C-alpha atoms as a PDB file:
ATOM      1  CA  MET A   1     -34.143-121.039  17.779  1.00  0.00           C
ATOM      2  CA  LYS A   2     -32.210-121.554  14.418  1.00  0.00           C
ATOM      3  CA  PHE A   3     -33.146-124.408  12.231  1.00  0.00           C
ATOM      4  CA  TYR A   4     -30.936-125.611   9.125  1.00  0.00           C
ATOM      5  CA  PRO A   5     -32.937-126.496   6.016  1.00  0.00           C
ATOM      6  CA  PRO A   6     -32.709-129.794   4.138  1.00  0.00           C
ATOM      7  CA  GLY A   7     -29.106-130.808   3.076  1.00  0.00           C
ATOM      8  CA  LYS A   8     -25.838-130.897   3.968  1.00  0.00           C
ATOM      9  CA  LEU A   9     -24.920-129.321   7.025  1.00  0.00           C
ATOM     10  CA  PRO A  10     -22.892-125.768   6.469  1.00  0.00           C
ATOM     11  CA  ALA A  11     -19.273-126.187   5.721  1.00  0.00           C
ATOM     12  CA  SER A  12     -19.003-123.776   8.190  1.00  0.00           C
ATOM     13  CA  HIS A  13     -20.438-125.816  11.042  1.00  0.00           C
ATOM     14  CA  LEU A  14     -18.965-128.969   9.493  1.00  0.00           C
ATOM     15  CA  GLU A  15     -15.521-127.534   9.816  1.00  0.00           C
ATOM     16  CA  LYS A  16     -16.138-126.019  13.556  1.00  0.00           C
ATOM     17  CA  LEU A  17     -16.748-129.755  14.215  1.00  0.00           C
ATOM     18  CA  LEU A  18     -13.555-131.213  12.989  1.00  0.00           C
ATOM     19  CA  THR A  19     -10.966-128.490  13.922  1.00  0.00           C
ATOM     20  CA  GLY A  20      -8.752-129.993  16.327  1.00  0.00           C
ATOM     21  CA  TYR A  21      -9.996-133.536  16.458  1.00  0.00           C
ATOM     22  CA  HIS A  22      -6.813-135.667  15.341  1.00  0.00           C
ATOM     23  CA  PRO A  23      -7.682-139.084  14.822  1.00  0.00           C
ATOM     24  CA  ALA A  24      -6.295-141.428  17.570  1.00  0.00           C
ATOM     25  CA  ASP A  25      -4.810-144.004  14.827  1.00  0.00           C
ATOM     26  CA  THR A  26      -1.557-143.051  13.340  1.00  0.00           C
ATOM     27  CA  ARG A  27      -2.652-145.035  10.247  1.00  0.00           C
ATOM     28  CA  VAL A  28      -5.460-142.563   9.123  1.00  0.00           C
ATOM     29  CA  VAL A  29      -3.727-140.541   6.151  1.00  0.00           C
ATOM     30  CA  LEU A  30      -6.900-138.570   5.501  1.00  0.00           C
ATOM     31  CA  GLY A  31      -9.585-138.312   8.041  1.00  0.00           C
ATOM     32  CA  GLY A  32     -12.845-135.977   7.994  1.00  0.00           C
ATOM     33  CA  SER A  33     -11.905-132.856   6.484  1.00  0.00           C
ATOM     34  CA  VAL A  34     -14.626-130.157   4.731  1.00  0.00           C
ATOM     35  CA  GLY A  35     -14.113-130.741   0.841  1.00  0.00           C
ATOM     36  CA  GLU A  36     -12.671-134.304   1.337  1.00  0.00           C
ATOM     37  CA  ASP A  37     -15.289-137.029   0.798  1.00  0.00           C
ATOM     38  CA  ALA A  38     -13.233-140.184   1.508  1.00  0.00           C
ATOM     39  CA  ALA A  39     -10.766-141.536   4.189  1.00  0.00           C
ATOM     40  CA  VAL A  40      -7.505-142.846   3.138  1.00  0.00           C
ATOM     41  CA  ILE A  41      -6.209-145.452   5.842  1.00  0.00           C
ATOM     42  CA  ASP A  42      -2.657-146.790   5.376  1.00  0.00           C
ATOM     43  CA  MET A  43      -2.786-150.895   5.582  1.00  0.00           C
ATOM     44  CA  GLY A  44       1.023-151.226   4.801  1.00  0.00           C
ATOM     45  CA  ASP A  45       1.593-151.988   1.136  1.00  0.00           C
ATOM     46  CA  HIS A  46      -1.247-150.213   0.271  1.00  0.00           C
ATOM     47  CA  TYR A  47      -4.250-147.621   1.246  1.00  0.00           C
ATOM     48  CA  LEU A  48      -7.781-148.453   2.321  1.00  0.00           C
ATOM     49  CA  VAL A  49     -10.379-145.951   1.152  1.00  0.00           C
ATOM     50  CA  ALA A  50     -13.545-145.471   3.287  1.00  0.00           C
ATOM     51  CA  LYS A  51     -16.804-143.723   2.182  1.00  0.00           C
ATOM     52  CA  THR A  52     -20.368-143.304   3.483  1.00  0.00           C
ATOM     53  CA  ASP A  53     -23.450-141.361   1.944  1.00  0.00           C
ATOM     54  CA  PRO A  54     -26.986-141.670   2.231  1.00  0.00           C
ATOM     55  CA  ILE A  55     -29.551-141.604  -0.855  1.00  0.00           C
ATOM     56  CA  THR A  56     -32.763-139.410   0.677  1.00  0.00           C
ATOM     57  CA  PHE A  57     -34.011-137.924  -2.726  1.00  0.00           C
ATOM     58  CA  ALA A  58     -34.204-140.788  -5.060  1.00  0.00           C
ATOM     59  CA  THR A  59     -36.743-143.796  -4.369  1.00  0.00           C
ATOM     60  CA  ASP A  60     -37.478-145.697  -7.601  1.00  0.00           C
ATOM     61  CA  GLU A  61     -33.605-146.823  -8.096  1.00  0.00           C
ATOM     62  CA  ILE A  62     -32.412-146.130  -4.597  1.00  0.00           C
ATOM     63  CA  GLY A  63     -30.342-149.150  -3.802  1.00  0.00           C
ATOM     64  CA  TRP A  64     -28.580-148.610  -7.281  1.00  0.00           C
ATOM     65  CA  TYR A  65     -28.343-144.703  -6.730  1.00  0.00           C
ATOM     66  CA  ALA A  66     -26.497-145.684  -3.194  1.00  0.00           C
ATOM     67  CA  VAL A  67     -23.995-148.110  -4.618  1.00  0.00           C
ATOM     68  CA  ASN A  68     -23.032-145.708  -7.578  1.00  0.00           C
ATOM     69  CA  ILE A  69     -22.573-142.277  -5.582  1.00  0.00           C
ATOM     70  CA  ASN A  70     -20.265-143.857  -2.754  1.00  0.00           C
ATOM     71  CA  ALA A  71     -18.272-145.728  -5.734  1.00  0.00           C
ATOM     72  CA  ASN A  72     -17.783-142.522  -7.137  1.00  0.00           C
ATOM     73  CA  ASP A  73     -16.101-140.983  -4.347  1.00  0.00           C
ATOM     74  CA  ILE A  74     -14.174-143.719  -3.977  1.00  0.00           C
ATOM     75  CA  ALA A  75     -13.109-143.214  -7.919  1.00  0.00           C
ATOM     76  CA  CYS A  76     -11.829-139.610  -6.910  1.00  0.00           C
ATOM     77  CA  THR A  77      -9.304-140.967  -5.153  1.00  0.00           C
ATOM     78  CA  GLY A  78      -7.692-142.676  -7.658  1.00  0.00           C
ATOM     79  CA  ALA A  79      -9.153-146.305  -5.787  1.00  0.00           C
ATOM     80  CA  THR A  80     -10.828-148.916  -6.811  1.00  0.00           C
ATOM     81  CA  PRO A  81     -14.176-149.305  -5.184  1.00  0.00           C
ATOM     82  CA  LYS A  82     -14.358-153.265  -3.682  1.00  0.00           C
ATOM     83  CA  TRP A  83     -16.211-154.032  -0.745  1.00  0.00           C
ATOM     84  CA  PHE A  84     -20.148-152.206  -0.146  1.00  0.00           C
ATOM     85  CA  LEU A  85     -22.369-152.107   3.273  1.00  0.00           C
ATOM     86  CA  ALA A  86     -25.816-150.834   3.128  1.00  0.00           C
ATOM     87  CA  THR A  87     -27.952-149.884   5.890  1.00  0.00           C
ATOM     88  CA  VAL A  88     -31.781-149.751   4.558  1.00  0.00           C
ATOM     89  CA  LEU A  89     -34.142-147.897   6.402  1.00  0.00           C
ATOM     90  CA  LEU A  90     -37.784-148.751   5.202  1.00  0.00           C
ATOM     91  CA  PRO A  91     -40.734-146.461   6.102  1.00  0.00           C
ATOM     92  CA  GLU A  92     -43.865-148.123   8.449  1.00  0.00           C
ATOM     93  CA  LYS A  93     -47.027-149.195   6.929  1.00  0.00           C
ATOM     94  CA  ALA A  94     -45.531-148.826   3.568  1.00  0.00           C
ATOM     95  CA  THR A  95     -43.206-151.866   3.270  1.00  0.00           C
ATOM     96  CA  THR A  96     -44.078-154.792   0.782  1.00  0.00           C
ATOM     97  CA  PRO A  97     -42.027-157.847   0.196  1.00  0.00           C
ATOM     98  CA  ALA A  98     -42.010-156.380  -3.144  1.00  0.00           C
ATOM     99  CA  LEU A  99     -40.296-153.226  -2.332  1.00  0.00           C
ATOM    100  CA  VAL A 100     -37.708-154.995  -0.179  1.00  0.00           C
ATOM    101  CA  ASP A 101     -36.518-157.327  -2.895  1.00  0.00           C
ATOM    102  CA  ASP A 102     -36.617-154.349  -5.562  1.00  0.00           C
ATOM    103  CA  ILE A 103     -34.078-152.724  -3.397  1.00  0.00           C
ATOM    104  CA  PHE A 104     -32.018-155.444  -2.810  1.00  0.00           C
ATOM    105  CA  ARG A 105     -32.236-156.224  -6.569  1.00  0.00           C
ATOM    106  CA  GLN A 106     -31.049-152.533  -7.184  1.00  0.00           C
ATOM    107  CA  ILE A 107     -27.987-153.037  -4.760  1.00  0.00           C
ATOM    108  CA  THR A 108     -26.608-156.248  -6.241  1.00  0.00           C
ATOM    109  CA  THR A 109     -27.045-155.249 -10.175  1.00  0.00           C
ATOM    110  CA  ALA A 110     -25.082-152.288  -9.137  1.00  0.00           C
ATOM    111  CA  CYS A 111     -22.594-153.884  -7.761  1.00  0.00           C
ATOM    112  CA  ALA A 112     -22.382-156.467 -10.140  1.00  0.00           C
ATOM    113  CA  GLU A 113     -21.974-153.868 -12.890  1.00  0.00           C
ATOM    114  CA  MET A 114     -18.520-152.575 -10.877  1.00  0.00           C
ATOM    115  CA  ASN A 115     -17.225-155.584  -9.889  1.00  0.00           C
ATOM    116  CA  ILE A 116     -17.943-154.686  -6.275  1.00  0.00           C
ATOM    117  CA  THR A 117     -18.652-157.162  -3.825  1.00  0.00           C
ATOM    118  CA  LEU A 118     -21.904-156.818  -1.179  1.00  0.00           C
ATOM    119  CA  VAL A 119     -20.644-157.934   2.475  1.00  0.00           C
ATOM    120  CA  GLY A 120     -23.067-156.845   4.698  1.00  0.00           C
ATOM    121  CA  GLY A 121     -25.042-154.056   6.185  1.00  0.00           C
ATOM    122  CA  HIS A 122     -28.319-153.919   8.151  1.00  0.00           C
ATOM    123  CA  THR A 123     -31.985-153.654   7.590  1.00  0.00           C
ATOM    124  CA  GLU A 124     -34.957-152.051   9.442  1.00  0.00           C
ATOM    125  CA  ILE A 125     -38.757-150.786   9.019  1.00  0.00           C
ATOM    126  CA  THR A 126     -38.109-147.693  10.791  1.00  0.00           C
ATOM    127  CA  PHE A 127     -40.745-145.099  12.790  1.00  0.00           C
ATOM    128  CA  GLY A 128     -41.359-141.835  11.551  1.00  0.00           C
ATOM    129  CA  LEU A 129     -40.191-142.382   7.797  1.00  0.00           C
ATOM    130  CA  ASP A 130     -42.532-141.774   4.816  1.00  0.00           C
ATOM    131  CA  ARG A 131     -39.991-143.020   1.856  1.00  0.00           C
ATOM    132  CA  PRO A 132     -36.875-145.746   1.917  1.00  0.00           C
ATOM    133  CA  ILE A 133     -33.377-144.156   2.744  1.00  0.00           C
ATOM    134  CA  VAL A 134     -30.595-146.184   1.892  1.00  0.00           C
ATOM    135  CA  VAL A 135     -27.091-145.201   3.609  1.00  0.00           C
ATOM    136  CA  GLY A 136     -24.076-146.758   2.061  1.00  0.00           C
ATOM    137  CA  GLN A 137     -20.360-147.530   3.204  1.00  0.00           C
ATOM    138  CA  MET A 138     -17.816-148.394   0.382  1.00  0.00           C
ATOM    139  CA  LEU A 139     -14.107-149.442   0.958  1.00  0.00           C
ATOM    140  CA  GLY A 140     -11.590-149.465  -1.998  1.00  0.00           C
ATOM    141  CA  GLU A 141      -8.188-150.086  -2.496  1.00  0.00           C
ATOM    142  CA  VAL A 142      -5.228-148.011  -3.948  1.00  0.00           C
ATOM    143  CA  GLU A 143      -1.783-148.154  -4.782  1.00  0.00           C
ATOM    144  CA  LYS A 144       0.163-145.639  -2.456  1.00  0.00           C
ATOM    145  CA  SER A 145       1.760-143.597  -5.218  1.00  0.00           C
ATOM    146  CA  ALA A 146      -1.422-143.407  -7.002  1.00  0.00           C
ATOM    147  CA  LEU A 147      -3.649-141.494  -4.133  1.00  0.00           C
ATOM    148  CA  VAL A 148      -5.311-138.583  -5.599  1.00  0.00           C
ATOM    149  CA  ARG A 149      -7.030-135.985  -3.174  1.00  0.00           C
ATOM    150  CA  THR A 150      -9.682-133.279  -3.372  1.00  0.00           C
ATOM    151  CA  GLY A 151      -6.818-131.095  -1.806  1.00  0.00           C
ATOM    152  CA  GLY A 152      -4.239-131.652  -4.439  1.00  0.00           C
ATOM    153  CA  ALA A 153      -5.019-129.204  -6.545  1.00  0.00           C
ATOM    154  CA  GLN A 154      -2.013-126.902  -7.738  1.00  0.00           C
ATOM    155  CA  ILE A 155      -2.108-123.266  -8.904  1.00  0.00           C
ATOM    156  CA  GLY A 156      -1.730-123.111 -12.715  1.00  0.00           C
ATOM    157  CA  ASP A 157      -3.775-126.560 -13.019  1.00  0.00           C
ATOM    158  CA  THR A 158      -6.297-126.704 -15.881  1.00  0.00           C
ATOM    159  CA  LEU A 159     -10.111-127.668 -14.461  1.00  0.00           C
ATOM    160  CA  VAL A 160     -11.738-130.179 -16.264  1.00  0.00           C
ATOM    161  CA  LEU A 161     -15.177-131.515 -16.288  1.00  0.00           C
ATOM    162  CA  THR A 162     -16.734-134.231 -17.767  1.00  0.00           C
ATOM    163  CA  LYS A 163     -20.007-134.963 -19.212  1.00  0.00           C
ATOM    164  CA  ASN A 164     -22.996-132.405 -18.781  1.00  0.00           C
ATOM    165  CA  ILE A 165     -24.061-130.151 -15.713  1.00  0.00           C
ATOM    166  CA  ALA A 166     -27.168-131.656 -13.567  1.00  0.00           C
ATOM    167  CA  ILE A 167     -27.413-135.012 -15.134  1.00  0.00           C
ATOM    168  CA  GLU A 168     -28.344-136.328 -11.830  1.00  0.00           C
ATOM    169  CA  GLY A 169     -30.686-133.520 -10.749  1.00  0.00           C
ATOM    170  CA  LEU A 170     -32.407-133.677 -14.179  1.00  0.00           C
ATOM    171  CA  SER A 171     -32.969-137.446 -13.975  1.00  0.00           C
ATOM    172  CA  ILE A 172     -34.349-136.982 -10.346  1.00  0.00           C
ATOM    173  CA  ILE A 173     -36.829-134.370 -11.575  1.00  0.00           C
ATOM    174  CA  ALA A 174     -37.983-136.321 -14.141  1.00  0.00           C
ATOM    175  CA  ARG A 175     -38.551-139.056 -11.940  1.00  0.00           C
ATOM    176  CA  GLU A 176     -39.937-137.675  -9.227  1.00  0.00           C
ATOM    177  CA  LYS A 177     -42.075-134.786 -10.576  1.00  0.00           C
ATOM    178  CA  PRO A 178     -43.026-135.964 -14.292  1.00  0.00           C
ATOM    179  CA  ALA A 179     -46.370-134.371 -13.755  1.00  0.00           C
ATOM    180  CA  VAL A 180     -44.751-130.641 -13.449  1.00  0.00           C
ATOM    181  CA  LEU A 181     -42.681-131.291 -16.327  1.00  0.00           C
ATOM    182  CA  ARG A 182     -45.457-132.270 -18.716  1.00  0.00           C
ATOM    183  CA  ASN A 183     -46.473-128.686 -18.786  1.00  0.00           C
ATOM    184  CA  PHE A 184     -43.485-127.646 -20.572  1.00  0.00           C
ATOM    185  CA  LEU A 185     -41.910-130.863 -22.162  1.00  0.00           C
ATOM    186  CA  HIS A 186     -42.696-133.585 -24.393  1.00  0.00           C
ATOM    187  CA  THR A 187     -43.201-137.017 -22.807  1.00  0.00           C
ATOM    188  CA  GLU A 188     -40.300-138.700 -24.902  1.00  0.00           C
ATOM    189  CA  THR A 189     -38.310-135.950 -23.349  1.00  0.00           C
ATOM    190  CA  ILE A 190     -39.038-136.437 -19.807  1.00  0.00           C
ATOM    191  CA  THR A 191     -38.480-140.265 -20.434  1.00  0.00           C
ATOM    192  CA  ALA A 192     -35.245-139.357 -21.782  1.00  0.00           C
ATOM    193  CA  LEU A 193     -34.185-137.391 -18.836  1.00  0.00           C
ATOM    194  CA  ALA A 194     -35.318-139.908 -16.307  1.00  0.00           C
ATOM    195  CA  ASN A 195     -32.833-142.308 -18.573  1.00  0.00           C
ATOM    196  CA  LEU A 196     -29.979-139.755 -17.635  1.00  0.00           C
ATOM    197  CA  LEU A 197     -29.139-141.901 -14.527  1.00  0.00           C
ATOM    198  CA  HIS A 198     -28.010-144.973 -16.843  1.00  0.00           C
ATOM    199  CA  SER A 199     -27.267-142.912 -20.005  1.00  0.00           C
ATOM    200  CA  PRO A 200     -24.933-141.359 -19.789  1.00  0.00           C
ATOM    201  CA  GLY A 201     -25.218-142.766 -16.342  1.00  0.00           C
ATOM    202  CA  ILE A 202     -24.099-141.295 -12.755  1.00  0.00           C
ATOM    203  CA  SER A 203     -21.152-143.260 -12.404  1.00  0.00           C
ATOM    204  CA  VAL A 204     -17.624-141.461 -12.590  1.00  0.00           C
ATOM    205  CA  LEU A 205     -15.933-144.748 -12.303  1.00  0.00           C
ATOM    206  CA  LYS A 206     -14.606-144.430 -16.052  1.00  0.00           C
ATOM    207  CA  ASP A 207     -14.181-141.508 -15.993  1.00  0.00           C
ATOM    208  CA  ALA A 208     -11.284-141.203 -13.111  1.00  0.00           C
ATOM    209  CA  LEU A 209      -9.785-144.220 -14.526  1.00  0.00           C
ATOM    210  CA  THR A 210      -9.217-143.002 -17.685  1.00  0.00           C
ATOM    211  CA  ALA A 211      -7.541-139.593 -16.858  1.00  0.00           C
ATOM    212  CA  THR A 212      -5.399-141.221 -14.029  1.00  0.00           C
ATOM    213  CA  ALA A 213      -4.057-143.847 -16.599  1.00  0.00           C
ATOM    214  CA  ILE A 214      -2.516-140.554 -18.472  1.00  0.00           C
ATOM    215  CA  GLY A 215      -1.042-139.143 -15.610  1.00  0.00           C
ATOM    216  CA  GLY A 216      -1.074-135.389 -14.274  1.00  0.00           C
ATOM    217  CA  VAL A 217      -4.120-135.430 -12.083  1.00  0.00           C
ATOM    218  CA  HIS A 218      -3.588-133.508  -8.881  1.00  0.00           C
ATOM    219  CA  ALA A 219      -7.089-133.521  -7.833  1.00  0.00           C
ATOM    220  CA  MET A 220     -10.641-134.955  -8.560  1.00  0.00           C
ATOM    221  CA  HIS A 221     -13.940-134.501  -6.999  1.00  0.00           C
ATOM    222  CA  ASP A 222     -17.349-135.482  -7.478  1.00  0.00           C
ATOM    223  CA  PRO A 223     -19.878-132.473  -7.495  1.00  0.00           C
ATOM    224  CA  THR A 224     -23.318-133.811  -6.002  1.00  0.00           C
ATOM    225  CA  GLU A 225     -25.348-132.221  -3.472  1.00  0.00           C
ATOM    226  CA  GLY A 226     -24.909-128.382  -4.195  1.00  0.00           C
ATOM    227  CA  GLY A 227     -24.033-128.581  -7.637  1.00  0.00           C
ATOM    228  CA  ILE A 228     -21.594-127.847  -9.604  1.00  0.00           C
ATOM    229  CA  ALA A 229     -20.893-124.607  -7.668  1.00  0.00           C
ATOM    230  CA  THR A 230     -20.429-126.508  -4.505  1.00  0.00           C
ATOM    231  CA  GLY A 231     -18.209-128.928  -6.068  1.00  0.00           C
ATOM    232  CA  LEU A 232     -16.002-126.221  -6.789  1.00  0.00           C
ATOM    233  CA  HIS A 233     -15.644-124.288  -3.657  1.00  0.00           C
ATOM    234  CA  GLU A 234     -15.105-127.707  -1.877  1.00  0.00           C
ATOM    235  CA  LEU A 235     -12.394-128.347  -4.148  1.00  0.00           C
ATOM    236  CA  ALA A 236     -10.841-124.442  -3.888  1.00  0.00           C
ATOM    237  CA  HIS A 237     -11.151-125.357   0.322  1.00  0.00           C
ATOM    238  CA  ALA A 238      -9.930-128.442   0.392  1.00  0.00           C
ATOM    239  CA  ALA A 239      -6.652-127.042  -1.752  1.00  0.00           C
ATOM    240  CA  GLY A 240      -6.709-123.697  -0.406  1.00  0.00           C
ATOM    241  CA  VAL A 241      -6.499-122.082  -3.241  1.00  0.00           C
ATOM    242  CA  GLY A 242      -8.626-119.983  -5.555  1.00  0.00           C
ATOM    243  CA  LEU A 243     -10.646-120.685  -9.110  1.00  0.00           C
ATOM    244  CA  GLU A 244     -11.207-119.206 -12.100  1.00  0.00           C
ATOM    245  CA  ILE A 245     -14.369-120.514 -14.090  1.00  0.00           C
ATOM    246  CA  PHE A 246     -15.077-119.843 -17.634  1.00  0.00           C
ATOM    247  CA  ALA A 247     -18.579-119.111 -17.411  1.00  0.00           C
ATOM    248  CA  ASP A 248     -19.379-119.593 -21.199  1.00  0.00           C
ATOM    249  CA  SER A 249     -17.287-123.111 -20.999  1.00  0.00           C
ATOM    250  CA  LEU A 250     -19.551-124.888 -18.794  1.00  0.00           C
ATOM    251  CA  PRO A 251     -21.389-127.844 -20.462  1.00  0.00           C
ATOM    252  CA  PHE A 252     -24.744-127.510 -19.195  1.00  0.00           C
ATOM    253  CA  HIS A 253     -27.098-130.552 -20.419  1.00  0.00           C
ATOM    254  CA  PRO A 254     -29.324-129.105 -23.507  1.00  0.00           C
ATOM    255  CA  HIS A 255     -32.554-128.980 -21.043  1.00  0.00           C
ATOM    256  CA  CYS A 256     -30.794-127.637 -18.009  1.00  0.00           C
ATOM    257  CA  GLU A 257     -31.129-124.262 -18.357  1.00  0.00           C
ATOM    258  CA  LYS A 258     -34.880-124.137 -19.556  1.00  0.00           C
ATOM    259  CA  ILE A 259     -36.004-126.636 -16.732  1.00  0.00           C
ATOM    260  CA  CYS A 260     -34.088-124.607 -14.219  1.00  0.00           C
ATOM    261  CA  SER A 261     -35.449-121.552 -15.609  1.00  0.00           C
ATOM    262  CA  THR A 262     -39.074-122.598 -15.716  1.00  0.00           C
ATOM    263  CA  LEU A 263     -38.728-124.276 -12.215  1.00  0.00           C
ATOM    264  CA  ASN A 264     -37.182-121.339 -10.473  1.00  0.00           C
ATOM    265  CA  LEU A 265     -33.707-123.167  -9.964  1.00  0.00           C
ATOM    266  CA  HIS A 266     -30.464-122.228  -9.996  1.00  0.00           C
ATOM    267  CA  PRO A 267     -28.491-124.611 -12.771  1.00  0.00           C
ATOM    268  CA  LEU A 268     -25.058-124.100 -11.112  1.00  0.00           C
ATOM    269  CA  GLY A 269     -26.885-125.164  -7.678  1.00  0.00           C
ATOM    270  CA  LEU A 270     -28.300-128.685  -8.836  1.00  0.00           C
ATOM    271  CA  ILE A 271     -27.326-131.982  -7.412  1.00  0.00           C
ATOM    272  CA  ALA A 272     -24.969-133.146 -10.185  1.00  0.00           C
ATOM    273  CA  SER A 273     -23.249-136.510  -9.693  1.00  0.00           C
ATOM    274  CA  GLY A 274     -22.250-137.948 -13.143  1.00  0.00           C
ATOM    275  CA  SER A 275     -19.765-135.426 -13.770  1.00  0.00           C
ATOM    276  CA  LEU A 276     -16.021-135.447 -12.732  1.00  0.00           C
ATOM    277  CA  LEU A 277     -14.235-132.359 -11.835  1.00  0.00           C
ATOM    278  CA  LEU A 278     -10.617-132.528 -12.521  1.00  0.00           C
ATOM    279  CA  ALA A 279      -7.592-130.295 -11.468  1.00  0.00           C
ATOM    280  CA  VAL A 280      -4.489-131.259 -13.689  1.00  0.00           C
ATOM    281  CA  ASP A 281      -1.301-130.596 -14.881  1.00  0.00           C
ATOM    282  CA  THR A 282      -1.938-127.798 -17.676  1.00  0.00           C
ATOM    283  CA  THR A 283       0.831-129.412 -20.135  1.00  0.00           C
ATOM    284  CA  ARG A 284      -1.230-132.545 -19.513  1.00  0.00           C
ATOM    285  CA  ALA A 285      -4.673-131.104 -20.270  1.00  0.00           C
ATOM    286  CA  PRO A 286      -5.315-131.964 -23.724  1.00  0.00           C
ATOM    287  CA  GLU A 287      -3.842-135.201 -23.715  1.00  0.00           C
ATOM    288  CA  ILE A 288      -6.531-136.172 -20.466  1.00  0.00           C
ATOM    289  CA  ILE A 289      -9.350-134.763 -22.416  1.00  0.00           C
ATOM    290  CA  ALA A 290      -8.284-136.178 -25.707  1.00  0.00           C
ATOM    291  CA  ALA A 291      -8.185-139.721 -23.894  1.00  0.00           C
ATOM    292  CA  LEU A 292     -11.833-138.895 -22.188  1.00  0.00           C
ATOM    293  CA  ASN A 293     -13.317-138.173 -25.208  1.00  0.00           C
ATOM    294  CA  THR A 294     -11.849-141.343 -27.237  1.00  0.00           C
ATOM    295  CA  ALA A 295     -13.334-143.341 -24.452  1.00  0.00           C
ATOM    296  CA  ALA A 296     -16.762-141.760 -25.400  1.00  0.00           C
ATOM    297  CA  ILE A 297     -16.726-139.314 -22.376  1.00  0.00           C
ATOM    298  CA  PRO A 298     -17.074-135.862 -23.372  1.00  0.00           C
ATOM    299  CA  ALA A 299     -14.888-133.320 -21.442  1.00  0.00           C
ATOM    300  CA  ALA A 300     -14.126-129.809 -21.453  1.00  0.00           C
ATOM    301  CA  ALA A 301     -11.571-127.163 -20.038  1.00  0.00           C
ATOM    302  CA  ILE A 302     -13.770-125.179 -17.823  1.00  0.00           C
ATOM    303  CA  GLY A 303     -11.225-122.870 -15.900  1.00  0.00           C
ATOM    304  CA  THR A 304      -8.038-122.336 -13.639  1.00  0.00           C
ATOM    305  CA  VAL A 305      -6.537-123.003 -10.767  1.00  0.00           C
ATOM    306  CA  GLN A 306      -5.246-119.207  -8.883  1.00  0.00           C
ATOM    307  CA  PRO A 307      -3.820-118.145  -5.826  1.00  0.00           C
ATOM    308  CA  VAL A 308      -6.233-118.306  -3.095  1.00  0.00           C
ATOM    309  CA  SER A 309      -5.924-114.415  -3.035  1.00  0.00           C
ATOM    310  CA  ALA A 310      -8.086-114.464  -6.191  1.00  0.00           C
ATOM    311  CA  GLY A 311     -10.813-115.960  -5.068  1.00  0.00           C
ATOM    312  CA  VAL A 312     -13.690-118.299  -6.447  1.00  0.00           C
ATOM    313  CA  MET A 313     -14.620-116.444  -9.428  1.00  0.00           C
ATOM    314  CA  LEU A 314     -16.967-116.737 -12.737  1.00  0.00           C
ATOM    315  CA  ARG A 315     -15.242-115.380 -15.892  1.00  0.00           C
ATOM    316  CA  HIS A 316     -17.632-114.048 -18.519  1.00  0.00           C
ATOM    317  CA  TYR A 317     -17.274-114.019 -22.513  1.00  0.00           C
ATOM    318  CA  ASP A 318     -16.863-110.053 -22.005  1.00  0.00           C
ATOM    319  CA  ASP A 319     -14.013-110.550 -19.411  1.00  0.00           C
ATOM    320  CA  ARG A 320     -16.720-109.774 -16.337  1.00  0.00           C
ATOM    321  CA  ARG A 321     -15.997-111.678 -13.399  1.00  0.00           C
ATOM    322  CA  GLU A 322     -18.159-112.135 -10.471  1.00  0.00           C
ATOM    323  CA  PRO A 323     -18.168-114.392  -7.349  1.00  0.00           C
ATOM    324  CA  LEU A 324     -18.959-117.868  -8.163  1.00  0.00           C
ATOM    325  CA  PRO A 325     -22.413-118.141  -6.021  1.00  0.00           C
ATOM    326  CA  THR A 326     -22.787-120.457  -2.897  1.00  0.00           C
ATOM    327  CA  PHE A 327     -25.686-122.436  -2.083  1.00  0.00           C
ATOM    328  CA  SER A 328     -26.670-123.055   1.547  1.00  0.00           C
ATOM    329  CA  ARG A 329     -28.941-126.191   0.329  1.00  0.00           C
ATOM    330  CA  ASP A 330     -29.257-128.075  -3.273  1.00  0.00           C
ATOM    331  CA  GLU A 331     -31.711-126.399  -5.469  1.00  0.00           C
ATOM    332  CA  ILE A 332     -33.596-129.271  -6.237  1.00  0.00           C
ATOM    333  CA  THR A 333     -35.093-129.560  -2.330  1.00  0.00           C
ATOM    334  CA  LYS A 334     -37.043-126.520  -3.518  1.00  0.00           C
ATOM    335  CA  LEU A 335     -39.007-129.035  -5.664  1.00  0.00           C
ATOM    336  CA  PHE A 336     -39.726-131.147  -2.282  1.00  0.00           C
ATOM    337  CA  GLU A 337     -40.924-128.939  -0.100  1.00  0.00           C
END
């Protein structure tokens, strides 16, 4: 019998499930689709954008994670996150009043930071869990003319990436496996890596708002589970295009490659929330990058959108090309086996 490993359901299986399914409600503008992380519903004069995502890896700030991760996917549609619901599943024989209070505090604090309202949810102590799990649901709004889709990338577009690669992955490793890192990193460095969750942070709401204010943004995507490589493949699949990625322009966090090399992880497949991937009109790319940098959000051009026949390729400085790696599961799962 075949068993899937922890992580996302394989894209091929997900696509098989979704193929042929058509929402009965004609107001559904965008439903379930591989590469698209939020649903869009026509509410008349505007669109309602809906998203759900669980947090299963991080534990010490799981409520804060849940709000930010779900808000990111709303932001990637050009929408403003407005309302949040949370299903909080708690482990038996390990749930204290203090734990419950702390998760609630994290959720409400994160909501307040982004002017999001917590409107409901569900809590329970669940049989068989060894850690809390929070499943978030975020709703947002966007003007119809401002909607952006992951599948909106156009041939000739410039690919732009904000911040550094694997901010989230490095923060999780530092928070969950500090003893492992102490074998080759100073305590001060581990503390700084753990704080990446907040500085520069895993939110891309400001990134998205800054870029879309300039114009010329055709697609946005939040590379999360499966890392930047999976995010790029998802964008290409959703848009039906190929990509050429400039390997030497990829902005890895200064400690990313060393940590990944030491722990036998591939940096391109390490969970990467905190970076925003954009496909933008090439003529507007310099202006968008400049606006992001002015807003204290580092940004760089990392590639171009190509015809689908070109595939999704990494181009090295010596003009050598190779397929961008694919990952059946996030690299960080290796540390939790």
